[in-house]
Amino acid sequence: MNDTTVEKTVMPNAAFAVLGAGKLAYVREIKSDDVAGLYPEAPPIAPGIRLWALVNANGTPILIADSREAVVANAFENDLTAVSVH
């Protein structure tokens, strides 16, 4: 039996929070009912609408649109790699 010790390194929360910022953006489906809670500065939106959000890796909202294609295109235009959040 091999007796090796594996040392684990934990990334600090502050470092994790900025990981990918300015390079990655998350594409996420949201409901219009949730917009006000997630983005208090957004104008009122009718309830029951399916929307898509583009969010910087650090959590900063970038864009809300009515199509996934629009948020992915915006990511591409801003040299961001878009990844889906399920």
PDB file of N, CA and C in Angstrom:
ATOM      1  N   MET A   1       0.836  -1.168   0.000  1.00  0.00           N
ATOM      2  CA  MET A   1       0.000   0.000   0.000  1.00  0.00           C
ATOM      3  C   MET A   1       0.886   1.238   0.000  1.00  0.00           C
ATOM      4  N   ASN A   2       0.515   2.215  -0.819  1.00  0.00           N
ATOM      5  CA  ASN A   2       1.265   3.445  -0.937  1.00  0.00           C
ATOM      6  C   ASN A   2       0.717   4.447   0.069  1.00  0.00           C
ATOM      7  N   ASP A   3       1.558   4.926   0.940  1.00  0.00           N
ATOM      8  CA  ASP A   3       1.129   5.854   1.981  1.00  0.00           C
ATOM      9  C   ASP A   3       1.527   7.275   1.584  1.00  0.00           C
ATOM     10  N   THR A   4       0.716   7.888   0.712  1.00  0.00           N
ATOM     11  CA  THR A   4       1.005   9.263   0.306  1.00  0.00           C
ATOM     12  C   THR A   4      -0.096  10.171   0.845  1.00  0.00           C
ATOM     13  N   THR A   5       0.307  11.352   1.181  1.00  0.00           N
ATOM     14  CA  THR A   5      -0.632  12.336   1.685  1.00  0.00           C
ATOM     15  C   THR A   5      -0.870  13.369   0.594  1.00  0.00           C
ATOM     16  N   VAL A   6      -2.119  13.615   0.306  1.00  0.00           N
ATOM     17  CA  VAL A   6      -2.468  14.619  -0.683  1.00  0.00           C
ATOM     18  C   VAL A   6      -2.850  15.891   0.059  1.00  0.00           C
ATOM     19  N   GLU A   7      -2.149  16.953  -0.288  1.00  0.00           N
ATOM     20  CA  GLU A   7      -2.428  18.229   0.352  1.00  0.00           C
ATOM     21  C   GLU A   7      -3.445  18.981  -0.490  1.00  0.00           C
ATOM     22  N   LYS A   8      -4.530  19.407   0.139  1.00  0.00           N
ATOM     23  CA  LYS A   8      -5.573  20.144  -0.566  1.00  0.00           C
ATOM     24  C   LYS A   8      -5.385  21.632  -0.341  1.00  0.00           C
ATOM     25  N   THR A   9      -5.567  22.379  -1.408  1.00  0.00           N
ATOM     26  CA  THR A   9      -5.504  23.828  -1.316  1.00  0.00           C
ATOM     27  C   THR A   9      -6.901  24.377  -1.554  1.00  0.00           C
ATOM     28  N   VAL A  10      -7.339  25.241  -0.694  1.00  0.00           N
ATOM     29  CA  VAL A  10      -8.657  25.849  -0.824  1.00  0.00           C
ATOM     30  C   VAL A  10      -8.485  27.255  -1.368  1.00  0.00           C
ATOM     31  N   MET A  11      -9.222  27.532  -2.453  1.00  0.00           N
ATOM     32  CA  MET A  11      -9.168  28.867  -3.045  1.00  0.00           C
ATOM     33  C   MET A  11      -9.973  29.824  -2.172  1.00  0.00           C
ATOM     34  N   PRO A  12      -9.394  30.957  -1.804  1.00  0.00           N
ATOM     35  CA  PRO A  12     -10.138  31.935  -1.006  1.00  0.00           C
ATOM     36  C   PRO A  12     -11.361  32.444  -1.774  1.00  0.00           C
ATOM     37  N   ASN A  13     -12.423  32.777  -1.057  1.00  0.00           N
ATOM     38  CA  ASN A  13     -13.651  33.261  -1.688  1.00  0.00           C
ATOM     39  C   ASN A  13     -13.404  34.460  -2.597  1.00  0.00           C
ATOM     40  N   ALA A  14     -12.556  35.381  -2.184  1.00  0.00           N
ATOM     41  CA  ALA A  14     -12.287  36.578  -2.989  1.00  0.00           C
ATOM     42  C   ALA A  14     -11.644  36.209  -4.328  1.00  0.00           C
ATOM     43  N   ALA A  15     -10.745  35.249  -4.331  1.00  0.00           N
ATOM     44  CA  ALA A  15     -10.109  34.815  -5.574  1.00  0.00           C
ATOM     45  C   ALA A  15     -11.099  34.072  -6.456  1.00  0.00           C
ATOM     46  N   PHE A  16     -11.932  33.264  -5.841  1.00  0.00           N
ATOM     47  CA  PHE A  16     -12.933  32.513  -6.593  1.00  0.00           C
ATOM     48  C   PHE A  16     -13.949  33.452  -7.242  1.00  0.00           C
ATOM     49  N   ALA A  17     -14.290  34.519  -6.549  1.00  0.00           N
ATOM     50  CA  ALA A  17     -15.307  35.460  -7.038  1.00  0.00           C
ATOM     51  C   ALA A  17     -14.888  36.150  -8.323  1.00  0.00           C
ATOM     52  N   VAL A  18     -13.605  36.348  -8.528  1.00  0.00           N
ATOM     53  CA  VAL A  18     -13.148  37.043  -9.737  1.00  0.00           C
ATOM     54  C   VAL A  18     -12.599  36.087 -10.791  1.00  0.00           C
ATOM     55  N   LEU A  19     -12.651  34.814 -10.533  1.00  0.00           N
ATOM     56  CA  LEU A  19     -12.156  33.824 -11.485  1.00  0.00           C
ATOM     57  C   LEU A  19     -12.958  33.908 -12.781  1.00  0.00           C
ATOM     58  N   GLY A  20     -12.306  34.217 -13.854  1.00  0.00           N
ATOM     59  CA  GLY A  20     -12.972  34.307 -15.142  1.00  0.00           C
ATOM     60  C   GLY A  20     -13.601  35.653 -15.443  1.00  0.00           C
ATOM     61  N   ALA A  21     -13.571  36.581 -14.502  1.00  0.00           N
ATOM     62  CA  ALA A  21     -14.181  37.894 -14.737  1.00  0.00           C
ATOM     63  C   ALA A  21     -13.533  38.567 -15.934  1.00  0.00           C
ATOM     64  N   GLY A  22     -14.365  39.076 -16.824  1.00  0.00           N
ATOM     65  CA  GLY A  22     -13.861  39.724 -18.029  1.00  0.00           C
ATOM     66  C   GLY A  22     -13.523  38.757 -19.145  1.00  0.00           C
ATOM     67  N   LYS A  23     -13.643  37.444 -18.870  1.00  0.00           N
ATOM     68  CA  LYS A  23     -13.358  36.431 -19.877  1.00  0.00           C
ATOM     69  C   LYS A  23     -14.528  35.474 -20.076  1.00  0.00           C
ATOM     70  N   LEU A  24     -15.216  35.150 -18.990  1.00  0.00           N
ATOM     71  CA  LEU A  24     -16.363  34.238 -19.038  1.00  0.00           C
ATOM     72  C   LEU A  24     -17.643  34.989 -18.709  1.00  0.00           C
ATOM     73  N   ALA A  25     -18.723  34.546 -19.332  1.00  0.00           N
ATOM     74  CA  ALA A  25     -20.045  35.070 -18.993  1.00  0.00           C
ATOM     75  C   ALA A  25     -21.010  33.899 -18.971  1.00  0.00           C
ATOM     76  N   TYR A  26     -21.894  33.910 -18.029  1.00  0.00           N
ATOM     77  CA  TYR A  26     -22.842  32.826 -17.863  1.00  0.00           C
ATOM     78  C   TYR A  26     -24.171  33.179 -18.519  1.00  0.00           C
ATOM     79  N   VAL A  27     -24.705  32.233 -19.269  1.00  0.00           N
ATOM     80  CA  VAL A  27     -26.011  32.370 -19.906  1.00  0.00           C
ATOM     81  C   VAL A  27     -26.988  31.580 -19.052  1.00  0.00           C
ATOM     82  N   ARG A  28     -28.060  32.251 -18.643  1.00  0.00           N
ATOM     83  CA  ARG A  28     -28.995  31.618 -17.720  1.00  0.00           C
ATOM     84  C   ARG A  28     -30.426  32.018 -18.064  1.00  0.00           C
ATOM     85  N   GLU A  29     -31.311  31.045 -18.109  1.00  0.00           N
ATOM     86  CA  GLU A  29     -32.725  31.344 -18.314  1.00  0.00           C
ATOM     87  C   GLU A  29     -33.315  31.844 -17.009  1.00  0.00           C
ATOM     88  N   ILE A  30     -34.102  32.905 -17.106  1.00  0.00           N
ATOM     89  CA  ILE A  30     -34.786  33.444 -15.930  1.00  0.00           C
ATOM     90  C   ILE A  30     -36.231  33.759 -16.298  1.00  0.00           C
ATOM     91  N   LYS A  31     -37.054  33.941 -15.313  1.00  0.00           N
ATOM     92  CA  LYS A  31     -38.441  34.350 -15.503  1.00  0.00           C
ATOM     93  C   LYS A  31     -38.530  35.859 -15.258  1.00  0.00           C
ATOM     94  N   SER A  32     -39.404  36.514 -15.986  1.00  0.00           N
ATOM     95  CA  SER A  32     -39.555  37.955 -15.796  1.00  0.00           C
ATOM     96  C   SER A  32     -39.967  38.288 -14.363  1.00  0.00           C
ATOM     97  N   ASP A  33     -40.652  37.363 -13.706  1.00  0.00           N
ATOM     98  CA  ASP A  33     -41.060  37.560 -12.308  1.00  0.00           C
ATOM     99  C   ASP A  33     -39.850  37.727 -11.386  1.00  0.00           C
ATOM    100  N   ASP A  34     -38.702  37.167 -11.775  1.00  0.00           N
ATOM    101  CA  ASP A  34     -37.504  37.196 -10.931  1.00  0.00           C
ATOM    102  C   ASP A  34     -36.582  38.380 -11.216  1.00  0.00           C
ATOM    103  N   VAL A  35     -36.846  39.119 -12.286  1.00  0.00           N
ATOM    104  CA  VAL A  35     -35.942  40.195 -12.692  1.00  0.00           C
ATOM    105  C   VAL A  35     -35.788  41.246 -11.604  1.00  0.00           C
ATOM    106  N   ALA A  36     -36.880  41.723 -11.037  1.00  0.00           N
ATOM    107  CA  ALA A  36     -36.804  42.785 -10.022  1.00  0.00           C
ATOM    108  C   ALA A  36     -35.967  42.363  -8.821  1.00  0.00           C
ATOM    109  N   GLY A  37     -36.069  41.118  -8.398  1.00  0.00           N
ATOM    110  CA  GLY A  37     -35.281  40.641  -7.264  1.00  0.00           C
ATOM    111  C   GLY A  37     -33.811  40.487  -7.586  1.00  0.00           C
ATOM    112  N   LEU A  38     -33.517  40.078  -8.811  1.00  0.00           N
ATOM    113  CA  LEU A  38     -32.128  39.881  -9.212  1.00  0.00           C
ATOM    114  C   LEU A  38     -31.455  41.180  -9.647  1.00  0.00           C
ATOM    115  N   TYR A  39     -32.241  42.047 -10.292  1.00  0.00           N
ATOM    116  CA  TYR A  39     -31.705  43.295 -10.839  1.00  0.00           C
ATOM    117  C   TYR A  39     -32.639  44.445 -10.456  1.00  0.00           C
ATOM    118  N   PRO A  40     -32.514  44.970  -9.243  1.00  0.00           N
ATOM    119  CA  PRO A  40     -33.442  45.997  -8.746  1.00  0.00           C
ATOM    120  C   PRO A  40     -33.529  47.241  -9.637  1.00  0.00           C
ATOM    121  N   GLU A  41     -32.490  47.522 -10.399  1.00  0.00           N
ATOM    122  CA  GLU A  41     -32.473  48.717 -11.242  1.00  0.00           C
ATOM    123  C   GLU A  41     -33.209  48.522 -12.569  1.00  0.00           C
ATOM    124  N   ALA A  42     -33.634  47.308 -12.872  1.00  0.00           N
ATOM    125  CA  ALA A  42     -34.332  47.022 -14.138  1.00  0.00           C
ATOM    126  C   ALA A  42     -35.738  47.622 -14.118  1.00  0.00           C
ATOM    127  N   PRO A  43     -36.215  48.047 -15.290  1.00  0.00           N
ATOM    128  CA  PRO A  43     -37.587  48.568 -15.354  1.00  0.00           C
ATOM    129  C   PRO A  43     -38.595  47.441 -15.140  1.00  0.00           C
ATOM    130  N   PRO A  44     -39.839  47.792 -14.808  1.00  0.00           N
ATOM    131  CA  PRO A  44     -40.863  46.760 -14.615  1.00  0.00           C
ATOM    132  C   PRO A  44     -41.084  45.943 -15.896  1.00  0.00           C
ATOM    133  N   ILE A  45     -41.269  44.651 -15.729  1.00  0.00           N
ATOM    134  CA  ILE A  45     -41.498  43.744 -16.852  1.00  0.00           C
ATOM    135  C   ILE A  45     -42.734  42.919 -16.523  1.00  0.00           C
ATOM    136  N   ALA A  46     -43.558  42.691 -17.542  1.00  0.00           N
ATOM    137  CA  ALA A  46     -44.779  41.892 -17.346  1.00  0.00           C
ATOM    138  C   ALA A  46     -44.405  40.512 -16.809  1.00  0.00           C
ATOM    139  N   PRO A  47     -45.208  39.949 -15.914  1.00  0.00           N
ATOM    140  CA  PRO A  47     -44.914  38.623 -15.358  1.00  0.00           C
ATOM    141  C   PRO A  47     -45.138  37.517 -16.386  1.00  0.00           C
ATOM    142  N   GLY A  48     -44.479  36.385 -16.145  1.00  0.00           N
ATOM    143  CA  GLY A  48     -44.702  35.190 -16.944  1.00  0.00           C
ATOM    144  C   GLY A  48     -43.924  35.109 -18.240  1.00  0.00           C
ATOM    145  N   ILE A  49     -42.946  35.983 -18.433  1.00  0.00           N
ATOM    146  CA  ILE A  49     -42.158  35.974 -19.666  1.00  0.00           C
ATOM    147  C   ILE A  49     -40.852  35.233 -19.432  1.00  0.00           C
ATOM    148  N   ARG A  50     -40.470  34.386 -20.371  1.00  0.00           N
ATOM    149  CA  ARG A  50     -39.189  33.672 -20.319  1.00  0.00           C
ATOM    150  C   ARG A  50     -38.117  34.582 -20.899  1.00  0.00           C
ATOM    151  N   LEU A  51     -37.073  34.830 -20.113  1.00  0.00           N
ATOM    152  CA  LEU A  51     -35.975  35.703 -20.523  1.00  0.00           C
ATOM    153  C   LEU A  51     -34.649  34.987 -20.362  1.00  0.00           C
ATOM    154  N   TRP A  52     -33.626  35.604 -20.884  1.00  0.00           N
ATOM    155  CA  TRP A  52     -32.265  35.078 -20.764  1.00  0.00           C
ATOM    156  C   TRP A  52     -31.367  36.159 -20.200  1.00  0.00           C
ATOM    157  N   ALA A  53     -30.505  35.774 -19.274  1.00  0.00           N
ATOM    158  CA  ALA A  53     -29.575  36.719 -18.655  1.00  0.00           C
ATOM    159  C   ALA A  53     -28.145  36.343 -19.039  1.00  0.00           C
ATOM    160  N   LEU A  54     -27.340  37.358 -19.260  1.00  0.00           N
ATOM    161  CA  LEU A  54     -25.903  37.194 -19.451  1.00  0.00           C
ATOM    162  C   LEU A  54     -25.251  37.845 -18.245  1.00  0.00           C
ATOM    163  N   VAL A  55     -24.480  37.066 -17.499  1.00  0.00           N
ATOM    164  CA  VAL A  55     -23.904  37.519 -16.239  1.00  0.00           C
ATOM    165  C   VAL A  55     -22.400  37.289 -16.274  1.00  0.00           C
ATOM    166  N   ASN A  56     -21.637  38.322 -15.928  1.00  0.00           N
ATOM    167  CA  ASN A  56     -20.184  38.195 -15.870  1.00  0.00           C
ATOM    168  C   ASN A  56     -19.820  37.134 -14.829  1.00  0.00           C
ATOM    169  N   ALA A  57     -18.675  36.537 -14.981  1.00  0.00           N
ATOM    170  CA  ALA A  57     -18.241  35.485 -14.057  1.00  0.00           C
ATOM    171  C   ALA A  57     -18.210  35.956 -12.615  1.00  0.00           C
ATOM    172  N   ASN A  58     -18.035  37.256 -12.398  1.00  0.00           N
ATOM    173  CA  ASN A  58     -18.018  37.773 -11.026  1.00  0.00           C
ATOM    174  C   ASN A  58     -19.409  38.102 -10.500  1.00  0.00           C
ATOM    175  N   GLY A  59     -20.460  37.815 -11.302  1.00  0.00           N
ATOM    176  CA  GLY A  59     -21.832  38.029 -10.865  1.00  0.00           C
ATOM    177  C   GLY A  59     -22.463  39.327 -11.331  1.00  0.00           C
ATOM    178  N   THR A  60     -21.702  40.172 -11.978  1.00  0.00           N
ATOM    179  CA  THR A  60     -22.229  41.432 -12.471  1.00  0.00           C
ATOM    180  C   THR A  60     -23.148  41.184 -13.666  1.00  0.00           C
ATOM    181  N   PRO A  61     -24.400  41.661 -13.606  1.00  0.00           N
ATOM    182  CA  PRO A  61     -25.290  41.469 -14.742  1.00  0.00           C
ATOM    183  C   PRO A  61     -24.815  42.275 -15.947  1.00  0.00           C
ATOM    184  N   ILE A  62     -24.901  41.665 -17.113  1.00  0.00           N
ATOM    185  CA  ILE A  62     -24.488  42.330 -18.345  1.00  0.00           C
ATOM    186  C   ILE A  62     -25.697  42.677 -19.195  1.00  0.00           C
ATOM    187  N   LEU A  63     -26.596  41.696 -19.370  1.00  0.00           N
ATOM    188  CA  LEU A  63     -27.697  41.881 -20.310  1.00  0.00           C
ATOM    189  C   LEU A  63     -28.835  40.939 -19.978  1.00  0.00           C
ATOM    190  N   ILE A  64     -30.051  41.406 -20.187  1.00  0.00           N
ATOM    191  CA  ILE A  64     -31.236  40.554 -20.138  1.00  0.00           C
ATOM    192  C   ILE A  64     -31.915  40.713 -21.489  1.00  0.00           C
ATOM    193  N   ALA A  65     -32.274  39.594 -22.106  1.00  0.00           N
ATOM    194  CA  ALA A  65     -32.907  39.631 -23.426  1.00  0.00           C
ATOM    195  C   ALA A  65     -33.986  38.563 -23.510  1.00  0.00           C
ATOM    196  N   ASP A  66     -34.758  38.633 -24.589  1.00  0.00           N
ATOM    197  CA  ASP A  66     -35.836  37.659 -24.763  1.00  0.00           C
ATOM    198  C   ASP A  66     -35.410  36.432 -25.558  1.00  0.00           C
ATOM    199  N   SER A  67     -34.128  36.360 -25.919  1.00  0.00           N
ATOM    200  CA  SER A  67     -33.652  35.161 -26.617  1.00  0.00           C
ATOM    201  C   SER A  67     -32.246  34.798 -26.164  1.00  0.00           C
ATOM    202  N   ARG A  68     -31.996  33.518 -26.145  1.00  0.00           N
ATOM    203  CA  ARG A  68     -30.657  33.016 -25.794  1.00  0.00           C
ATOM    204  C   ARG A  68     -29.639  33.494 -26.819  1.00  0.00           C
ATOM    205  N   GLU A  69     -30.042  33.515 -28.081  1.00  0.00           N
ATOM    206  CA  GLU A  69     -29.146  33.924 -29.158  1.00  0.00           C
ATOM    207  C   GLU A  69     -28.643  35.354 -28.960  1.00  0.00           C
ATOM    208  N   ALA A  70     -29.526  36.236 -28.467  1.00  0.00           N
ATOM    209  CA  ALA A  70     -29.139  37.629 -28.243  1.00  0.00           C
ATOM    210  C   ALA A  70     -28.062  37.752 -27.169  1.00  0.00           C
ATOM    211  N   VAL A  71     -28.200  36.998 -26.085  1.00  0.00           N
ATOM    212  CA  VAL A  71     -27.189  37.109 -25.027  1.00  0.00           C
ATOM    213  C   VAL A  71     -25.878  36.451 -25.440  1.00  0.00           C
ATOM    214  N   VAL A  72     -25.953  35.367 -26.201  1.00  0.00           N
ATOM    215  CA  VAL A  72     -24.725  34.723 -26.690  1.00  0.00           C
ATOM    216  C   VAL A  72     -24.017  35.644 -27.687  1.00  0.00           C
ATOM    217  N   ALA A  73     -24.782  36.307 -28.558  1.00  0.00           N
ATOM    218  CA  ALA A  73     -24.197  37.250 -29.511  1.00  0.00           C
ATOM    219  C   ALA A  73     -23.523  38.406 -28.783  1.00  0.00           C
ATOM    220  N   ASN A  74     -24.153  38.896 -27.712  1.00  0.00           N
ATOM    221  CA  ASN A  74     -23.554  39.974 -26.944  1.00  0.00           C
ATOM    222  C   ASN A  74     -22.250  39.529 -26.300  1.00  0.00           C
ATOM    223  N   ALA A  75     -22.221  38.320 -25.785  1.00  0.00           N
ATOM    224  CA  ALA A  75     -20.985  37.787 -25.205  1.00  0.00           C
ATOM    225  C   ALA A  75     -19.886  37.752 -26.264  1.00  0.00           C
ATOM    226  N   PHE A  76     -20.222  37.251 -27.450  1.00  0.00           N
ATOM    227  CA  PHE A  76     -19.256  37.165 -28.541  1.00  0.00           C
ATOM    228  C   PHE A  76     -18.740  38.555 -28.920  1.00  0.00           C
ATOM    229  N   GLU A  77     -19.655  39.533 -29.034  1.00  0.00           N
ATOM    230  CA  GLU A  77     -19.270  40.897 -29.397  1.00  0.00           C
ATOM    231  C   GLU A  77     -18.336  41.528 -28.372  1.00  0.00           C
ATOM    232  N   ASN A  78     -18.426  41.065 -27.128  1.00  0.00           N
ATOM    233  CA  ASN A  78     -17.591  41.609 -26.053  1.00  0.00           C
ATOM    234  C   ASN A  78     -16.427  40.699 -25.687  1.00  0.00           C
ATOM    235  N   ASP A  79     -16.090  39.780 -26.603  1.00  0.00           N
ATOM    236  CA  ASP A  79     -14.952  38.861 -26.411  1.00  0.00           C
ATOM    237  C   ASP A  79     -15.046  38.064 -25.115  1.00  0.00           C
ATOM    238  N   LEU A  80     -16.258  37.633 -24.783  1.00  0.00           N
ATOM    239  CA  LEU A  80     -16.489  36.785 -23.615  1.00  0.00           C
ATOM    240  C   LEU A  80     -16.830  35.382 -24.072  1.00  0.00           C
ATOM    241  N   THR A  81     -16.382  34.393 -23.344  1.00  0.00           N
ATOM    242  CA  THR A  81     -16.772  33.018 -23.598  1.00  0.00           C
ATOM    243  C   THR A  81     -18.050  32.756 -22.821  1.00  0.00           C
ATOM    244  N   ALA A  82     -19.112  32.419 -23.551  1.00  0.00           N
ATOM    245  CA  ALA A  82     -20.410  32.180 -22.915  1.00  0.00           C
ATOM    246  C   ALA A  82     -20.522  30.721 -22.513  1.00  0.00           C
ATOM    247  N   VAL A  83     -20.920  30.490 -21.282  1.00  0.00           N
ATOM    248  CA  VAL A  83     -21.166  29.137 -20.784  1.00  0.00           C
ATOM    249  C   VAL A  83     -22.556  29.098 -20.173  1.00  0.00           C
ATOM    250  N   SER A  84     -23.226  27.982 -20.326  1.00  0.00           N
ATOM    251  CA  SER A  84     -24.593  27.838 -19.820  1.00  0.00           C
ATOM    252  C   SER A  84     -24.616  27.449 -18.359  1.00  0.00           C
ATOM    253  N   VAL A  85     -25.588  27.989 -17.657  1.00  0.00           N
ATOM    254  CA  VAL A  85     -25.843  27.617 -16.262  1.00  0.00           C
ATOM    255  C   VAL A  85     -27.198  26.949 -16.247  1.00  0.00           C
ATOM    256  N   HIS A  86     -27.249  25.749 -15.714  1.00  0.00           N
ATOM    257  CA  HIS A  86     -28.524  25.017 -15.688  1.00  0.00           C
ATOM    258  C   HIS A  86     -29.153  25.092 -14.323  1.00  0.00           C
TER     259      HIS A  86
END
